[in-house]
């Protein structure tokens, strides 16, 4: 994998709290050399862990106290083999009592073009009791600190 590329052009939207570079490999593309649409979902999963685990003070995904309720992705521009994407994640306003949404943005590093936007609905979950639970006060404070209005990102 090549070294991390320089930041996107200055015309790119402001960065969100967690970012990660994704290099598009041959495995990620279809017969027409387009990034397979399903590849964005594992990237969103990785970004979700990158963002949420530090809020818990954990590094092991087995410590997660969340469950995915919904996931969607809007594909905005084609991506080909060898391109590099900057993936970003942030919570969306408003937060619920037991759930919250995370927004994802993928930008072509070379051009600054947003290639996809994603959204997931996350439910805080008590796995021992097999039931949802309230967002803890410390996690809520961090989510509220980072939360953005989803409308400019195309979500209502």
Protein backbone atom coordinates (compact mmCIF):
# COMPACT_ATOMS: atom_id res chain seq x y z
CA UNK A 1 0.00 0.00 0.00
CA UNK A 2 1.39 3.44 -0.88
CA UNK A 3 2.24 6.04 1.76
CA UNK A 4 -0.58 8.23 3.02
CA UNK A 5 -1.41 10.89 0.46
CA UNK A 6 -1.49 14.60 1.19
CA UNK A 7 -4.70 16.08 2.59
CA UNK A 8 -7.50 16.76 0.11
CA UNK A 9 -7.65 20.13 -1.65
CA UNK A 10 -8.63 23.09 0.53
CA UNK A 11 -12.02 23.32 -1.20
CA UNK A 12 -12.97 20.05 0.55
CA UNK A 13 -15.54 20.32 3.36
CA UNK A 14 -14.21 20.62 6.92
CA UNK A 15 -12.86 17.36 8.38
CA UNK A 16 -14.93 15.29 10.75
CA UNK A 17 -13.60 13.86 14.05
CA UNK A 18 -12.33 10.54 12.64
CA UNK A 19 -10.65 10.01 9.30
CA UNK A 20 -8.96 7.10 7.57
CA UNK A 21 -7.38 6.58 4.15
CA UNK A 22 -8.71 3.76 1.97
CA UNK A 23 -6.65 2.56 -0.98
CA UNK A 24 -8.81 0.87 -3.65
CA UNK A 25 -7.39 -2.57 -4.43
CA UNK A 26 -8.09 -4.85 -7.37
CA UNK A 27 -10.33 -6.96 -5.13
CA UNK A 28 -12.56 -3.90 -4.55
CA UNK A 29 -13.50 -3.29 -8.20
CA UNK A 30 -15.93 -4.96 -10.60
CA UNK A 31 -15.42 -5.98 -14.22
CA UNK A 32 -15.87 -2.36 -15.36
CA UNK A 33 -13.12 -1.14 -12.98
CA UNK A 34 -15.67 0.58 -10.71
CA UNK A 35 -15.51 0.32 -6.96
CA UNK A 36 -18.08 -2.31 -6.02
CA UNK A 37 -20.92 -0.61 -4.14
CA UNK A 38 -20.75 -3.14 -1.28
CA UNK A 39 -17.17 -2.11 -0.40
CA UNK A 40 -18.36 1.10 1.25
CA UNK A 41 -20.16 -0.81 4.02
CA UNK A 42 -17.03 -2.48 5.50
CA UNK A 43 -15.29 0.91 5.23
CA UNK A 44 -18.15 2.45 7.23
CA UNK A 45 -17.81 -0.38 9.77
CA UNK A 46 -14.12 0.37 10.21
CA UNK A 47 -14.79 4.09 10.59
CA UNK A 48 -17.54 3.34 13.11
CA UNK A 49 -15.07 1.36 15.26
CA UNK A 50 -12.39 4.04 14.80
CA UNK A 51 -14.82 6.64 16.16
CA UNK A 52 -16.80 4.75 18.79
CA UNK A 53 -14.21 2.55 20.53
CA UNK A 54 -12.23 5.55 21.89
CA UNK A 55 -15.48 6.95 23.31
CA UNK A 56 -15.70 3.77 25.39
CA UNK A 57 -12.02 3.85 26.30
CA UNK A 58 -11.65 0.51 24.52
CA UNK A 59 -9.62 -0.87 21.64
CA UNK A 60 -11.28 -4.26 21.14
CA UNK A 61 -14.41 -4.39 18.94
CA UNK A 62 -15.77 -7.08 21.28
CA UNK A 63 -16.23 -4.27 23.82
CA UNK A 64 -18.75 -2.47 21.62
CA UNK A 65 -22.12 -1.86 23.23
CA UNK A 66 -23.92 -0.96 20.02
CA UNK A 67 -25.85 -2.78 17.33
CA UNK A 68 -26.53 -1.67 13.78
CA UNK A 69 -30.21 -1.01 13.07
CA UNK A 70 -29.96 0.50 9.57
CA UNK A 71 -27.30 1.29 6.96
CA UNK A 72 -27.52 3.19 3.70
CA UNK A 73 -25.11 4.62 1.17
CA UNK A 74 -25.51 7.15 -1.63
CA UNK A 75 -23.09 6.69 -4.49
CA UNK A 76 -22.13 10.02 -6.03
CA UNK A 77 -19.11 9.45 -8.28
CA UNK A 78 -17.30 6.42 -9.71
CA UNK A 79 -14.10 5.20 -8.08
CA UNK A 80 -11.51 3.04 -9.86
CA UNK A 81 -8.64 0.71 -8.98
CA UNK A 82 -5.70 2.55 -7.43
CA UNK A 83 -7.62 5.60 -6.26
CA UNK A 84 -7.36 6.70 -2.67
CA UNK A 85 -10.34 7.80 -0.63
CA UNK A 86 -10.49 9.75 2.57
CA UNK A 87 -13.25 8.27 4.75
CA UNK A 88 -14.72 10.36 7.55
CA UNK A 89 -17.33 9.74 10.23
CA UNK A 90 -19.31 11.94 12.62
CA UNK A 91 -22.54 11.68 14.61
CA UNK A 92 -25.65 13.47 13.39
CA UNK A 93 -28.02 15.73 15.33
CA UNK A 94 -30.31 15.03 17.10
CA UNK A 95 -29.44 12.08 19.31
CA UNK A 96 -32.14 9.77 20.58
CA UNK A 97 -32.45 8.28 24.06
CA UNK A 98 -31.10 4.85 23.03
CA UNK A 99 -29.98 5.46 19.45
CA UNK A 100 -28.04 7.85 17.25
CA UNK A 101 -27.00 8.18 13.62
CA UNK A 102 -23.50 8.28 12.21
CA UNK A 103 -22.76 10.00 8.91
CA UNK A 104 -19.94 8.94 6.60
CA UNK A 105 -18.27 10.86 3.79
CA UNK A 106 -15.82 9.46 1.23
CA UNK A 107 -13.70 11.88 -0.79
CA UNK A 108 -11.35 11.17 -3.70
CA UNK A 109 -8.01 12.41 -2.37
CA UNK A 110 -6.71 13.46 -5.80
CA UNK A 111 -9.69 15.59 -6.84
CA UNK A 112 -11.57 16.44 -3.65
CA UNK A 113 -14.73 14.93 -5.17
CA UNK A 114 -17.14 13.40 -2.66
CA UNK A 115 -17.72 9.90 -4.04
CA UNK A 116 -20.23 8.58 -1.50
CA UNK A 117 -22.16 9.52 1.62
CA UNK A 118 -23.39 6.97 4.12
CA UNK A 119 -25.60 6.86 7.18
CA UNK A 120 -26.10 4.26 9.88
CA UNK A 121 -28.57 4.12 12.72
CA UNK A 122 -26.91 2.76 15.84
CA UNK A 123 -28.69 1.41 18.92
CA UNK A 124 -26.94 1.14 22.27
CA UNK A 125 -27.35 -2.46 23.29
CA UNK A 126 -26.93 -4.55 26.42
CA UNK A 127 -25.80 -7.91 25.04
CA UNK A 128 -26.13 -9.66 28.42
CA UNK A 129 -29.83 -8.73 28.60
CA UNK A 130 -30.48 -8.80 24.85
CA UNK A 131 -32.13 -5.39 24.94
CA UNK A 132 -31.47 -1.80 24.02
CA UNK A 133 -30.17 0.60 26.64
CA UNK A 134 -29.79 4.34 27.09
CA UNK A 135 -26.74 6.11 25.71
CA UNK A 136 -24.36 6.52 28.65
CA UNK A 137 -23.82 10.11 29.84
CA UNK A 138 -20.12 10.15 28.90
CA UNK A 139 -20.76 8.78 25.41
CA UNK A 140 -23.71 11.19 24.96
CA UNK A 141 -21.47 14.15 25.84
CA UNK A 142 -18.89 13.11 23.24
CA UNK A 143 -21.53 12.45 20.58
CA UNK A 144 -23.15 15.83 21.22
CA UNK A 145 -19.75 17.56 21.04
CA UNK A 146 -19.07 16.08 17.58
CA UNK A 147 -22.60 16.01 16.14
CA UNK A 148 -23.36 17.86 12.91
CA UNK A 149 -26.55 18.89 11.16
CA UNK A 150 -27.27 16.07 8.65
CA UNK A 151 -29.08 18.31 6.13
CA UNK A 152 -25.99 19.81 4.44
CA UNK A 153 -24.81 16.23 3.90
CA UNK A 154 -28.06 15.32 2.12
CA UNK A 155 -29.80 13.55 5.03
CA UNK A 156 -32.93 14.69 6.81
